[in-house]
Amino acid sequence: MSTTDGTNCAVTCVNGCVLGDACPHLANLATARQYIAETPWNQIMETADAYTNQSEDEFLNNPMLQQVLKATEGFNRPTPPA
């Protein structure tokens, strides 16, 4: 996704955000940092393990995934291989 100034984050920010405080994704970054800071590591690993053991339909319909996708709207997501 491009920012309002035309920056393509997937290309330009590969080695880190170049927009600094002007980055339109700072709120999403804060949410992700808060989650990581407040969630015990073993819980994060259990969640990851649960996702890897789900069918594709279970994974895509998981409420937690929907919550993460909503929180990270605007971030560039890689296109899955065909």
C-alpha atoms as a PDB file:
ATOM      1  CA  MET A   1       0.000   0.000   0.000  1.00  0.00           C
ATOM      2  CA  SER A   2       1.166   3.468  -0.726  1.00  0.00           C
ATOM      3  CA  THR A   3       0.910   6.333   1.729  1.00  0.00           C
ATOM      4  CA  THR A   4      -0.831   9.590   0.911  1.00  0.00           C
ATOM      5  CA  ASP A   5       2.497  11.056  -0.246  1.00  0.00           C
ATOM      6  CA  GLY A   6       2.974   8.139  -2.660  1.00  0.00           C
ATOM      7  CA  THR A   7       5.551   6.232  -0.580  1.00  0.00           C
ATOM      8  CA  ASN A   8       5.331   2.506  -1.283  1.00  0.00           C
ATOM      9  CA  CYS A   9       6.142   1.140   2.177  1.00  0.00           C
ATOM     10  CA  ALA A  10       6.771  -2.401   0.907  1.00  0.00           C
ATOM     11  CA  VAL A  11       9.606  -1.095  -1.245  1.00  0.00           C
ATOM     12  CA  THR A  12      10.865   2.063   0.430  1.00  0.00           C
ATOM     13  CA  CYS A  13      10.706   0.932   4.056  1.00  0.00           C
ATOM     14  CA  VAL A  14      12.239  -2.539   3.682  1.00  0.00           C
ATOM     15  CA  ASN A  15      15.037  -1.611   6.092  1.00  0.00           C
ATOM     16  CA  GLY A  16      12.807   0.475   8.358  1.00  0.00           C
ATOM     17  CA  CYS A  17      10.318   3.282   8.053  1.00  0.00           C
ATOM     18  CA  VAL A  18      11.662   6.310   6.209  1.00  0.00           C
ATOM     19  CA  LEU A  19       8.742   8.572   7.130  1.00  0.00           C
ATOM     20  CA  GLY A  20       9.451   8.718  10.855  1.00  0.00           C
ATOM     21  CA  ASP A  21       6.758  10.608  12.760  1.00  0.00           C
ATOM     22  CA  ALA A  22       4.869  11.200   9.498  1.00  0.00           C
ATOM     23  CA  CYS A  23       4.231   7.461   9.040  1.00  0.00           C
ATOM     24  CA  PRO A  24       0.487   6.814   8.758  1.00  0.00           C
ATOM     25  CA  HIS A  25       0.949   3.405  10.413  1.00  0.00           C
ATOM     26  CA  LEU A  26       2.284   4.582  13.792  1.00  0.00           C
ATOM     27  CA  ALA A  27      -0.973   3.765  15.600  1.00  0.00           C
ATOM     28  CA  ASN A  28      -0.833   0.192  14.316  1.00  0.00           C
ATOM     29  CA  LEU A  29       2.787  -0.089  15.383  1.00  0.00           C
ATOM     30  CA  ALA A  30       1.861   1.103  18.871  1.00  0.00           C
ATOM     31  CA  THR A  31      -0.889  -1.540  19.074  1.00  0.00           C
ATOM     32  CA  ALA A  32       1.504  -4.299  18.027  1.00  0.00           C
ATOM     33  CA  ARG A  33       4.177  -3.149  20.476  1.00  0.00           C
ATOM     34  CA  GLN A  34       1.636  -3.026  23.291  1.00  0.00           C
ATOM     35  CA  TYR A  35       0.473  -6.569  22.506  1.00  0.00           C
ATOM     36  CA  ILE A  36       4.041  -7.879  22.513  1.00  0.00           C
ATOM     37  CA  ALA A  37       4.920  -6.018  25.716  1.00  0.00           C
ATOM     38  CA  GLU A  38       1.827  -7.144  27.617  1.00  0.00           C
ATOM     39  CA  THR A  39       1.441 -10.725  26.383  1.00  0.00           C
ATOM     40  CA  PRO A  40       3.530 -13.487  27.971  1.00  0.00           C
ATOM     41  CA  TRP A  41       5.883 -15.141  25.487  1.00  0.00           C
ATOM     42  CA  ASN A  42       4.453 -18.605  26.147  1.00  0.00           C
ATOM     43  CA  GLN A  43       0.962 -17.303  25.292  1.00  0.00           C
ATOM     44  CA  ILE A  44       2.251 -15.844  22.013  1.00  0.00           C
ATOM     45  CA  MET A  45       3.890 -19.194  21.204  1.00  0.00           C
ATOM     46  CA  GLU A  46       0.735 -21.144  22.111  1.00  0.00           C
ATOM     47  CA  THR A  47      -1.289 -18.871  19.851  1.00  0.00           C
ATOM     48  CA  ALA A  48       1.180 -19.361  17.001  1.00  0.00           C
ATOM     49  CA  ASP A  49       1.120 -23.129  17.539  1.00  0.00           C
ATOM     50  CA  ALA A  50      -2.681 -23.162  17.509  1.00  0.00           C
ATOM     51  CA  TYR A  51      -2.699 -21.296  14.185  1.00  0.00           C
ATOM     52  CA  THR A  52      -0.235 -23.657  12.550  1.00  0.00           C
ATOM     53  CA  ASN A  53      -2.386 -26.648  13.503  1.00  0.00           C
ATOM     54  CA  GLN A  54      -5.611 -25.270  11.989  1.00  0.00           C
ATOM     55  CA  SER A  55      -7.145 -25.961   8.633  1.00  0.00           C
ATOM     56  CA  GLU A  56      -7.108 -23.031   6.233  1.00  0.00           C
ATOM     57  CA  ASP A  57     -10.819 -22.349   6.812  1.00  0.00           C
ATOM     58  CA  GLU A  58     -10.404 -22.419  10.603  1.00  0.00           C
ATOM     59  CA  PHE A  59      -7.435 -20.078  10.330  1.00  0.00           C
ATOM     60  CA  LEU A  60      -9.137 -17.556   8.049  1.00  0.00           C
ATOM     61  CA  ASN A  61     -12.324 -17.490  10.142  1.00  0.00           C
ATOM     62  CA  ASN A  62     -10.564 -17.190  13.505  1.00  0.00           C
ATOM     63  CA  PRO A  63     -11.807 -14.116  15.406  1.00  0.00           C
ATOM     64  CA  MET A  64      -8.295 -13.330  16.678  1.00  0.00           C
ATOM     65  CA  LEU A  65      -6.948 -13.252  13.111  1.00  0.00           C
ATOM     66  CA  GLN A  66      -9.759 -10.903  12.111  1.00  0.00           C
ATOM     67  CA  GLN A  67      -8.816  -8.665  15.040  1.00  0.00           C
ATOM     68  CA  VAL A  68      -5.151  -8.638  13.987  1.00  0.00           C
ATOM     69  CA  LEU A  69      -6.049  -7.909  10.378  1.00  0.00           C
ATOM     70  CA  LYS A  70      -8.238  -5.011  11.464  1.00  0.00           C
ATOM     71  CA  ALA A  71      -5.482  -3.624  13.705  1.00  0.00           C
ATOM     72  CA  THR A  72      -2.941  -3.814  10.896  1.00  0.00           C
ATOM     73  CA  GLU A  73      -5.072  -2.310   8.126  1.00  0.00           C
ATOM     74  CA  GLY A  74      -2.905  -0.185   5.934  1.00  0.00           C
ATOM     75  CA  PHE A  75       0.210  -2.304   6.389  1.00  0.00           C
ATOM     76  CA  ASN A  76       1.541  -3.974   3.286  1.00  0.00           C
ATOM     77  CA  ARG A  77       0.809  -7.658   3.341  1.00  0.00           C
ATOM     78  CA  PRO A  78       2.776 -10.004   1.124  1.00  0.00           C
ATOM     79  CA  THR A  79       0.813 -11.727  -1.599  1.00  0.00           C
ATOM     80  CA  PRO A  80       0.702 -15.467  -0.925  1.00  0.00           C
ATOM     81  CA  PRO A  81       2.379 -17.645  -3.560  1.00  0.00           C
ATOM     82  CA  ALA A  82       0.008 -19.130  -6.140  1.00  0.00           C
END
